[in-house]
Amino acid sequence: MARFTFRLPDIGEGISEAEIVAWHVKLGDRVEEDQSVADMMTDKATVEMESPVSGTIVELAGEVGDQVPIGSALMVIETDAVEEAASPATEEAVLEAENPGVEDAQSPSPPVGEGRGEGAAPQAETPAETPVATPHPGPLPQGEREQEKKVLASPAVRARALDLGVDLGSVKPAEGDRVRHSDLDAFLRYGSSQGYTPARAPRADEAVRVIGMRRRIAENMAASKRAIPHFTYVEEIDVTALEETRAQLNAGRGNRPKLTMLPLLIVAICKTLPDFPMLNARYDDEAGVVNRSGAVHMGMATQTPAGLMVPVIRHAESRNVWQLATEIGRLAETARAGSIASSDMGGGTITLTSLGPLGGIATTPVINRPEVAIIGPNRIVERPVFRSDGRGGETIARAKLMNLSISCDHRVVDGYDAASYVQALKRLLETPVMLFAD
């Protein structure tokens, strides 16, 4: 038998190492050529690794969360020497097949992971005991458990009773033989007189290792706050007319995507940035250079199951609201599905972050380094405002108001510049017809 060392290939330009975010195989597994064996994460994307040969896995390069340098051993596969010698897998595989055992004889280095307990035969793990709610005063005897199974109740009622630690056999239905939610409510109100105490089990403690996307987010946010002196400016904007314009556009959209506030806001941002070039920029700390961008490459902070990602809309300034809505939808869908292309990540010049209806009153967003500014619209609320009645007096009217936050790098952007920019943005958003004027 020959051993083939599968070394981590160069999976991204300028990448020196990658993180193991998932193993699809374990020691002793038989793998076939081109079978998926691991997911590796770089700074830009997650890449699926496929076995270049067929054989049995005898060594693995660590655990989930470990970093593996490019060119180092990811795994060792024991192959059939005759089969691999005839296979065009790689030159190394052929050489090892022709000289079985050479690598083991010449290499004094220990197997992959030796010294850390990695690469050893997997041990059977005993699952941690999960606290289970039990009815007072203790576990039901076998006979009573059998009796409870015969109680008529819907799955929802059974789940609720289990969560409360209530023995359904102790609950007397008000009507018929079926226990309902109202019967549980009555039992909870009056059951204490019979010695009932809810046995709600506490949630078990758990230690969650910070790996993959969550580790990338932690590192980037820490670096941003550590290196950048942030300041945040918040202004209230009357978006009543803008929301009316959006409703009119949606009413006649045909088969085009439904507009949210974001495409309109991006158009306004792109129209005002040329007069404030210090905001549409990237700061190179080491070189001491601020690179001001002529194009607007708009980062879109997007929540995904894996954590926060920031895909980029390239040349946002050259797209209309419908094109922007389409691109926002495409990027969000691929990001949440975990299939976003590396070309859609990185290179942003300014970022927009929105929590939608969860936006709160005001936010202090963290800058997406090395950019120098990030804009965050907050929740739209309806409030009474004073308006001119056209006769020198005032009247009270209903208005839709939204706070807009901007965080800036104070090394590059002065407070006056940020405030002036938001005021220009406010004027445009409060007069939405100007969004579509040349």
Protein backbone atom coordinates (compact mmCIF):
# COMPACT_ATOMS: atom_id res chain seq x y z
CA MET A 1 0.00 0.00 0.00
CA ALA A 2 1.20 3.56 -0.73
CA ARG A 3 0.49 6.76 1.14
CA PHE A 4 -0.58 9.92 -0.67
CA THR A 5 -0.20 13.26 1.14
CA PHE A 6 -2.94 15.66 0.06
CA ARG A 7 -1.46 19.14 0.54
CA LEU A 8 -3.66 22.21 0.77
CA PRO A 9 -3.52 23.91 -2.64
CA ASP A 10 -3.39 27.66 -3.27
CA ILE A 11 -7.10 28.46 -3.08
CA GLY A 12 -6.96 32.22 -3.28
CA GLU A 13 -4.65 34.97 -4.49
CA GLY A 14 -2.40 36.14 -1.69
CA ILE A 15 -3.80 33.61 0.81
CA SER A 16 -1.19 32.05 3.12
CA GLU A 17 -3.50 29.82 5.16
CA ALA A 18 -7.10 28.65 5.41
CA GLU A 19 -9.32 27.60 8.27
CA ILE A 20 -10.97 24.20 8.58
CA VAL A 21 -14.67 24.93 8.96
CA ALA A 22 -16.02 21.42 8.32
CA TRP A 23 -14.77 17.87 7.87
CA HIS A 24 -16.92 15.62 5.66
CA VAL A 25 -14.81 12.55 6.46
CA LYS A 26 -13.09 10.99 9.47
CA LEU A 27 -10.17 8.70 10.11
CA GLY A 28 -10.67 5.27 8.62
CA ASP A 29 -13.20 6.41 6.00
CA ARG A 30 -12.90 5.18 2.45
CA VAL A 31 -12.96 8.09 -0.03
CA GLU A 32 -13.23 8.13 -3.79
CA GLU A 33 -11.51 10.45 -6.21
CA ASP A 34 -13.27 13.86 -6.42
CA GLN A 35 -15.27 13.17 -3.23
CA SER A 36 -15.81 16.19 -0.98
CA VAL A 37 -13.64 15.86 2.14
CA ALA A 38 -13.52 19.31 3.80
CA ASP A 39 -14.63 22.94 3.68
CA MET A 40 -11.85 25.51 4.00
CA MET A 41 -12.44 29.21 4.63
CA THR A 42 -10.21 32.04 3.46
CA ASP A 43 -10.70 35.75 4.06
CA LYS A 44 -13.01 35.91 1.05
CA ALA A 45 -14.88 32.65 0.62
CA THR A 46 -15.45 29.06 1.71
CA VAL A 47 -13.94 26.50 -0.66
CA GLU A 48 -14.88 22.83 -0.87
CA MET A 49 -11.90 20.46 -0.96
CA GLU A 50 -12.14 17.26 -3.04
CA SER A 51 -9.92 14.21 -2.71
CA PRO A 52 -7.54 13.87 -5.68
CA VAL A 53 -7.24 10.09 -5.14
CA SER A 54 -9.18 7.10 -3.86
CA GLY A 55 -8.22 5.33 -0.67
CA THR A 56 -8.54 5.21 3.11
CA ILE A 57 -7.91 8.24 5.31
CA VAL A 58 -5.15 7.59 7.85
CA GLU A 59 -4.24 11.12 9.00
CA LEU A 60 -6.08 14.46 9.25
CA ALA A 61 -4.56 17.91 9.73
CA GLY A 62 -6.43 19.00 12.83
CA GLU A 63 -9.88 19.94 14.04
CA VAL A 64 -12.57 22.36 12.94
CA GLY A 65 -11.31 25.87 13.64
CA ASP A 66 -7.62 25.09 13.04
CA GLN A 67 -5.60 27.06 10.49
CA VAL A 68 -3.74 25.10 7.79
CA PRO A 69 -0.90 26.80 5.84
CA ILE A 70 -1.01 26.61 2.05
CA GLY A 71 1.14 23.69 0.88
CA SER A 72 1.04 21.81 4.17
CA ALA A 73 -0.59 18.40 4.62
CA LEU A 74 -4.35 18.48 4.86
CA MET A 75 -4.71 14.70 5.04
CA VAL A 76 -2.89 11.47 4.28
CA ILE A 77 -4.66 8.80 2.24
CA GLU A 78 -3.56 5.18 2.01
CA THR A 79 -4.02 4.10 -1.59
CA ASP A 80 -3.79 0.95 -3.66
CA ALA A 81 -0.29 1.16 -5.15
CA VAL A 82 -1.24 -0.56 -8.42
CA GLU A 83 -4.37 1.51 -8.84
CA GLU A 84 -2.67 4.80 -8.01
CA ALA A 85 0.33 4.09 -10.25
CA ALA A 86 -2.07 3.86 -13.17
CA SER A 87 -4.01 6.91 -12.10
CA PRO A 88 -3.10 10.35 -13.46
CA ALA A 89 -4.07 11.95 -10.13
CA THR A 90 -0.84 13.86 -9.47
CA GLU A 91 2.86 13.40 -10.02
CA GLU A 92 3.36 12.92 -6.30
CA ALA A 93 0.80 10.14 -6.21
CA VAL A 94 2.57 8.32 -9.04
CA LEU A 95 5.98 8.65 -7.39
CA GLU A 96 4.65 7.36 -4.08
CA ALA A 97 2.96 4.46 -5.84
CA GLU A 98 6.24 3.50 -7.50
CA ASN A 99 8.17 3.82 -4.22
CA PRO A 100 5.85 2.64 -1.48
CA GLY A 101 6.97 3.54 1.98
CA VAL A 102 9.63 6.04 0.82
CA GLU A 103 7.96 8.99 2.49
CA ASP A 104 7.64 7.17 5.79
CA ALA A 105 11.29 6.02 5.67
CA GLN A 106 12.79 9.38 4.75
CA SER A 107 10.61 11.77 6.69
CA PRO A 108 11.46 12.04 10.39
CA SER A 109 8.49 14.34 11.02
CA PRO A 110 5.59 13.02 13.09
CA PRO A 111 2.20 12.27 11.54
CA VAL A 112 -0.18 15.15 10.90
CA GLY A 113 -1.57 16.53 14.17
CA GLU A 114 0.83 14.48 16.45
CA GLY A 115 1.56 16.33 19.64
CA ARG A 116 -1.93 17.84 19.82
CA GLY A 117 -3.91 14.65 19.87
CA GLU A 118 -5.05 15.27 16.32
CA GLY A 119 -5.04 12.55 13.72
CA ALA A 120 -5.56 9.84 16.31
CA ALA A 121 -8.30 7.27 15.99
CA PRO A 122 -11.64 8.90 16.82
CA GLN A 123 -12.98 8.15 20.27
CA ALA A 124 -16.62 7.40 20.82
CA GLU A 125 -18.14 10.40 22.49
CA THR A 126 -20.75 10.13 25.17
CA PRO A 127 -23.38 12.77 24.47
CA ALA A 128 -23.81 15.29 27.24
CA GLU A 129 -26.93 14.74 29.28
CA THR A 130 -29.59 17.29 28.45
CA PRO A 131 -31.79 18.34 31.36
CA VAL A 132 -35.34 17.18 30.75
CA ALA A 133 -38.36 18.69 32.40
CA THR A 134 -40.06 16.17 34.71
CA PRO A 135 -43.36 16.58 36.51
CA HIS A 136 -43.42 17.06 40.24
CA PRO A 137 -42.58 15.23 42.44
CA GLY A 138 -40.33 13.10 40.16
CA PRO A 139 -40.20 10.76 37.17
CA LEU A 140 -43.42 8.95 36.41
CA PRO A 141 -43.58 5.27 37.22
CA GLN A 142 -43.80 2.97 34.23
CA GLY A 143 -47.53 2.41 34.69
CA GLU A 144 -48.29 6.13 34.79
CA ARG A 145 -46.15 6.76 31.71
CA GLU A 146 -48.19 4.19 29.83
CA GLN A 147 -51.35 5.87 31.10
CA GLU A 148 -50.15 9.30 29.90
CA LYS A 149 -49.64 7.94 26.39
CA LYS A 150 -53.35 7.10 26.29
CA VAL A 151 -54.41 10.67 27.13
CA LEU A 152 -55.99 12.37 24.11
CA ALA A 153 -54.27 15.66 23.29
CA SER A 154 -52.90 17.51 20.28
CA PRO A 155 -49.12 17.55 19.63
CA ALA A 156 -49.04 21.23 20.63
CA VAL A 157 -50.70 20.50 23.97
CA ARG A 158 -48.33 17.58 24.58
CA ALA A 159 -45.29 19.73 23.79
CA ARG A 160 -46.51 22.48 26.11
CA ALA A 161 -47.19 19.99 28.91
CA LEU A 162 -43.72 18.49 28.50
CA ASP A 163 -42.15 21.95 28.64
CA LEU A 164 -44.09 22.73 31.84
CA GLY A 165 -43.39 19.36 33.40
CA VAL A 166 -47.08 18.52 33.64
CA ASP A 167 -48.34 14.93 33.67
CA LEU A 168 -51.24 14.98 31.20
CA GLY A 169 -52.79 12.13 33.14
CA SER A 170 -53.29 14.54 36.04
CA VAL A 171 -55.20 17.06 33.90
CA LYS A 172 -58.98 16.62 33.84
CA PRO A 173 -60.57 17.68 30.53
CA ALA A 174 -63.52 20.07 30.85
CA GLU A 175 -65.21 18.51 27.82
CA GLY A 176 -64.94 14.98 26.50
CA ASP A 177 -61.73 13.01 26.83
CA ARG A 178 -59.32 15.38 25.02
CA VAL A 179 -57.03 17.68 26.99
CA ARG A 180 -56.96 21.19 25.54
CA HIS A 181 -54.88 24.31 26.23
CA SER A 182 -57.71 25.69 28.38
CA ASP A 183 -57.53 22.55 30.53
CA LEU A 184 -53.80 23.08 31.00
CA ASP A 185 -54.45 26.71 31.95
CA ALA A 186 -56.99 25.61 34.56
CA PHE A 187 -54.56 23.03 35.94
CA LEU A 188 -51.81 25.64 36.23
CA ARG A 189 -54.14 28.01 38.09
CA TYR A 190 -55.45 25.50 40.60
CA GLY A 191 -52.93 22.65 40.54
CA SER A 192 -50.68 24.24 43.19
CA SER A 193 -53.21 23.33 45.86
CA GLN A 194 -52.50 19.69 44.98
CA GLY A 195 -48.76 20.12 45.39
CA TYR A 196 -47.93 20.80 41.71
CA THR A 197 -44.81 22.79 41.01
CA PRO A 198 -43.75 23.57 37.42
CA ALA A 199 -40.57 21.63 36.69
CA ARG A 200 -39.18 23.86 33.97
CA ALA A 201 -35.64 22.71 33.29
CA PRO A 202 -32.93 25.37 32.94
CA ARG A 203 -31.08 25.59 29.69
CA ALA A 204 -27.78 23.74 29.83
CA ASP A 205 -24.53 25.71 29.74
CA GLU A 206 -22.52 25.34 26.56
CA ALA A 207 -19.14 26.42 25.25
CA VAL A 208 -19.27 27.53 21.61
CA ARG A 209 -15.95 27.70 19.79
CA VAL A 210 -15.54 30.86 17.71
CA ILE A 211 -14.65 29.57 14.24
CA GLY A 212 -15.32 30.18 10.56
CA MET A 213 -17.36 33.23 9.64
CA ARG A 214 -17.95 34.18 13.28
CA ARG A 215 -14.18 34.32 13.89
CA ARG A 216 -13.68 36.44 10.75
CA ILE A 217 -16.36 38.85 11.96
CA ALA A 218 -14.80 39.03 15.43
CA GLU A 219 -11.33 39.72 14.03
CA ASN A 220 -12.54 42.36 11.55
CA MET A 221 -14.72 44.20 14.07
CA ALA A 222 -11.97 44.19 16.69
CA ALA A 223 -9.43 45.50 14.16
CA SER A 224 -11.85 48.22 13.05
CA LYS A 225 -12.56 49.50 16.56
CA ARG A 226 -8.91 49.16 17.60
CA ALA A 227 -7.46 51.04 14.62
CA ILE A 228 -10.19 53.55 13.72
CA PRO A 229 -11.31 56.48 15.89
CA HIS A 230 -15.05 56.32 15.18
CA PHE A 231 -17.58 59.10 15.52
CA THR A 232 -21.30 58.87 14.70
CA TYR A 233 -23.69 61.56 13.54
CA VAL A 234 -27.48 61.05 13.52
CA GLU A 235 -30.11 63.16 11.75
CA GLU A 236 -33.91 62.88 11.50
CA ILE A 237 -35.32 62.78 7.96
CA ASP A 238 -38.95 63.20 6.88
CA VAL A 239 -39.48 60.36 4.39
CA THR A 240 -43.22 60.87 3.92
CA ALA A 241 -42.86 61.98 0.28
CA LEU A 242 -40.19 59.33 -0.37
CA GLU A 243 -42.51 56.57 0.87
CA GLU A 244 -45.31 57.90 -1.34
CA THR A 245 -42.94 57.86 -4.33
CA ARG A 246 -41.89 54.31 -3.52
CA ALA A 247 -45.53 53.19 -3.34
CA GLN A 248 -46.24 54.77 -6.74
CA LEU A 249 -43.21 53.10 -8.30
CA ASN A 250 -44.21 49.71 -6.88
CA ALA A 251 -47.77 50.09 -8.14
CA GLY A 252 -46.48 50.26 -11.73
CA ARG A 253 -43.45 48.00 -11.44
CA GLY A 254 -44.80 45.19 -13.66
CA ASN A 255 -42.51 42.16 -13.40
CA ARG A 256 -39.66 44.17 -11.87
CA PRO A 257 -38.68 43.55 -8.23
CA LYS A 258 -40.56 45.30 -5.45
CA LEU A 259 -38.69 48.36 -4.22
CA THR A 260 -37.65 48.70 -0.60
CA MET A 261 -36.17 51.88 0.82
CA LEU A 262 -32.60 50.72 0.12
CA PRO A 263 -32.42 51.24 -3.70
CA LEU A 264 -33.78 54.78 -3.32
CA LEU A 265 -31.33 55.49 -0.53
CA ILE A 266 -28.42 54.19 -2.60
CA VAL A 267 -29.38 56.48 -5.49
CA ALA A 268 -29.41 59.43 -3.09
CA ILE A 269 -26.04 58.42 -1.61
CA CYS A 270 -24.46 58.12 -5.05
CA LYS A 271 -25.81 61.51 -6.16
CA THR A 272 -24.41 63.33 -3.12
CA LEU A 273 -21.00 61.61 -2.79
CA PRO A 274 -19.23 63.49 -5.65
CA ASP A 275 -19.31 66.65 -3.50
CA PHE A 276 -17.90 64.74 -0.50
CA PRO A 277 -15.10 62.56 -1.95
CA MET A 278 -13.48 62.10 1.48
CA LEU A 279 -16.34 59.73 2.41
CA ASN A 280 -16.11 57.44 -0.62
CA ALA A 281 -12.62 56.23 0.13
CA ARG A 282 -10.31 53.56 1.58
CA TYR A 283 -7.54 54.34 4.07
CA ASP A 284 -4.25 52.49 3.70
CA ASP A 285 -2.87 52.68 7.26
CA GLU A 286 0.60 51.35 6.46
CA ALA A 287 1.20 53.61 3.47
CA GLY A 288 -0.53 56.62 5.06
CA VAL A 289 -2.59 57.13 1.91
CA VAL A 290 -6.32 57.78 1.47
CA ASN A 291 -7.50 56.39 -1.86
CA ARG A 292 -10.58 58.34 -2.93
CA SER A 293 -12.72 56.38 -5.38
CA GLY A 294 -14.42 57.89 -8.42
CA ALA A 295 -16.85 54.94 -8.61
CA VAL A 296 -19.19 53.92 -5.80
CA HIS A 297 -18.74 50.28 -4.86
CA MET A 298 -21.50 49.96 -2.29
CA GLY A 299 -21.06 47.38 0.47
CA MET A 300 -24.34 45.84 1.63
CA ALA A 301 -24.16 44.48 5.19
CA THR A 302 -26.19 41.24 5.01
CA GLN A 303 -27.18 38.91 7.83
CA THR A 304 -26.74 35.23 6.95
CA PRO A 305 -27.04 31.97 8.91
CA ALA A 306 -23.24 31.98 9.19
CA GLY A 307 -23.06 35.61 10.37
CA LEU A 308 -22.65 39.07 8.90
CA MET A 309 -21.32 39.34 5.34
CA VAL A 310 -20.73 42.44 3.20
CA PRO A 311 -21.19 41.72 -0.53
CA VAL A 312 -20.54 44.66 -2.84
CA ILE A 313 -22.64 46.31 -5.55
CA ARG A 314 -20.08 47.31 -8.19
CA HIS A 315 -20.56 50.75 -9.80
CA ALA A 316 -23.73 51.51 -7.89
CA GLU A 317 -23.63 55.04 -9.31
CA SER A 318 -24.37 53.71 -12.82
CA ARG A 319 -27.50 51.70 -11.87
CA ASN A 320 -31.12 52.81 -11.64
CA VAL A 321 -33.45 51.86 -8.77
CA TRP A 322 -34.74 48.71 -10.50
CA GLN A 323 -31.23 47.48 -11.32
CA LEU A 324 -30.16 48.18 -7.75
CA ALA A 325 -33.16 46.27 -6.37
CA THR A 326 -32.31 43.29 -8.58
CA GLU A 327 -28.67 43.31 -7.53
CA ILE A 328 -29.52 43.67 -3.82
CA GLY A 329 -31.80 40.64 -4.09
CA ARG A 330 -29.19 38.57 -5.95
CA LEU A 331 -26.41 39.33 -3.49
CA ALA A 332 -28.59 38.72 -0.44
CA GLU A 333 -29.85 35.39 -1.81
CA THR A 334 -26.41 34.02 -2.70
CA ALA A 335 -24.90 35.25 0.58
CA ARG A 336 -27.57 33.56 2.68
CA ALA A 337 -27.29 30.38 0.64
CA GLY A 338 -23.52 30.31 1.15
CA SER A 339 -22.88 30.35 -2.60
CA ILE A 340 -21.72 33.92 -3.10
CA ALA A 341 -18.81 34.35 -5.52
CA SER A 342 -15.51 35.77 -4.29
CA SER A 343 -15.81 38.46 -6.98
CA ASP A 344 -18.87 39.80 -5.14
CA MET A 345 -16.90 40.27 -1.93
CA GLY A 346 -14.35 42.92 -0.98
CA GLY A 347 -13.30 46.15 -2.65
CA GLY A 348 -16.13 48.28 -1.27
CA THR A 349 -15.68 52.04 -0.96
CA ILE A 350 -18.57 52.78 1.43
CA THR A 351 -21.07 50.51 3.20
CA LEU A 352 -24.80 50.65 3.86
CA THR A 353 -26.18 48.68 6.81
CA SER A 354 -29.86 48.30 7.62
CA LEU A 355 -31.82 46.25 10.15
CA GLY A 356 -35.11 46.96 8.38
CA PRO A 357 -38.06 47.06 10.81
CA LEU A 358 -35.65 46.21 13.66
CA GLY A 359 -33.63 49.34 12.94
CA GLY A 360 -34.28 51.00 16.28
CA ILE A 361 -34.20 54.72 17.04
CA ALA A 362 -30.51 55.20 16.28
CA THR A 363 -27.46 53.04 15.61
CA THR A 364 -23.69 53.51 15.82
CA PRO A 365 -22.49 51.18 13.04
CA VAL A 366 -18.90 49.92 12.97
CA ILE A 367 -16.88 50.92 9.91
CA ASN A 368 -16.03 48.17 7.42
CA ARG A 369 -12.26 48.64 7.41
CA PRO A 370 -10.41 49.90 5.32
CA GLU A 371 -13.38 52.03 4.28
CA VAL A 372 -13.85 55.32 6.12
CA ALA A 373 -17.65 55.61 6.40
CA ILE A 374 -20.75 53.50 6.92
CA ILE A 375 -24.37 54.65 6.68
CA GLY A 376 -27.25 53.13 8.64
CA PRO A 377 -30.93 54.00 8.10
CA ASN A 378 -33.08 53.31 11.15
CA ARG A 379 -36.73 52.34 11.60
CA ILE A 380 -39.43 54.51 10.01
CA VAL A 381 -41.99 55.74 12.54
CA GLU A 382 -45.15 57.83 12.22
CA ARG A 383 -45.37 60.93 14.42
CA PRO A 384 -47.29 64.22 14.40
CA VAL A 385 -45.34 67.20 13.08
CA PHE A 386 -46.04 70.91 12.59
CA ARG A 387 -46.38 72.03 8.97
CA SER A 388 -47.08 75.40 7.41
CA ASP A 389 -50.71 75.86 6.42
CA GLY A 390 -49.74 78.26 3.59
CA ARG A 391 -51.36 81.24 5.33
CA GLY A 392 -48.61 82.09 7.79
CA GLY A 393 -49.82 79.63 10.37
CA GLU A 394 -49.14 76.02 11.24
CA THR A 395 -51.11 72.81 11.30
CA ILE A 396 -50.44 69.38 12.76
CA ALA A 397 -49.97 66.59 10.25
CA ARG A 398 -48.96 62.91 10.28
CA ALA A 399 -45.42 62.29 8.99
CA LYS A 400 -43.14 59.31 8.43
CA LEU A 401 -39.80 60.00 10.05
CA MET A 402 -36.53 58.10 9.94
CA ASN A 403 -33.25 58.67 11.74
CA LEU A 404 -30.15 58.24 9.58
CA SER A 405 -26.83 57.35 11.21
CA ILE A 406 -23.36 57.72 9.74
CA SER A 407 -20.12 56.54 11.38
CA CYS A 408 -16.86 57.97 10.07
CA ASP A 409 -13.11 57.55 10.50
CA HIS A 410 -12.07 60.73 12.31
CA ARG A 411 -8.54 60.44 10.93
CA VAL A 412 -9.94 61.12 7.46
CA VAL A 413 -13.36 62.73 7.89
CA ASP A 414 -14.11 65.81 10.00
CA GLY A 415 -17.37 66.13 11.90
CA TYR A 416 -18.34 69.15 9.82
CA ASP A 417 -17.91 67.17 6.59
CA ALA A 418 -20.06 64.29 7.87
CA ALA A 419 -22.81 66.62 9.08
CA SER A 420 -22.76 68.57 5.81
CA TYR A 421 -23.02 65.36 3.81
CA VAL A 422 -26.00 64.08 5.78
CA GLN A 423 -27.76 67.44 5.40
CA ALA A 424 -27.28 67.22 1.61
CA LEU A 425 -28.61 63.66 1.71
CA LYS A 426 -31.58 64.83 3.80
CA ARG A 427 -32.51 67.53 1.27
CA LEU A 428 -32.47 64.98 -1.56
CA LEU A 429 -34.49 62.35 0.32
CA GLU A 430 -37.10 64.88 1.41
CA THR A 431 -37.49 65.99 -2.24
CA PRO A 432 -37.56 62.59 -3.96
CA VAL A 433 -38.32 63.96 -7.41
CA MET A 434 -34.68 65.10 -7.45
CA LEU A 435 -33.58 61.44 -7.32
CA PHE A 436 -34.67 61.03 -10.93
CA ALA A 437 -33.42 64.40 -12.22
CA ASP A 438 -30.19 64.60 -14.19
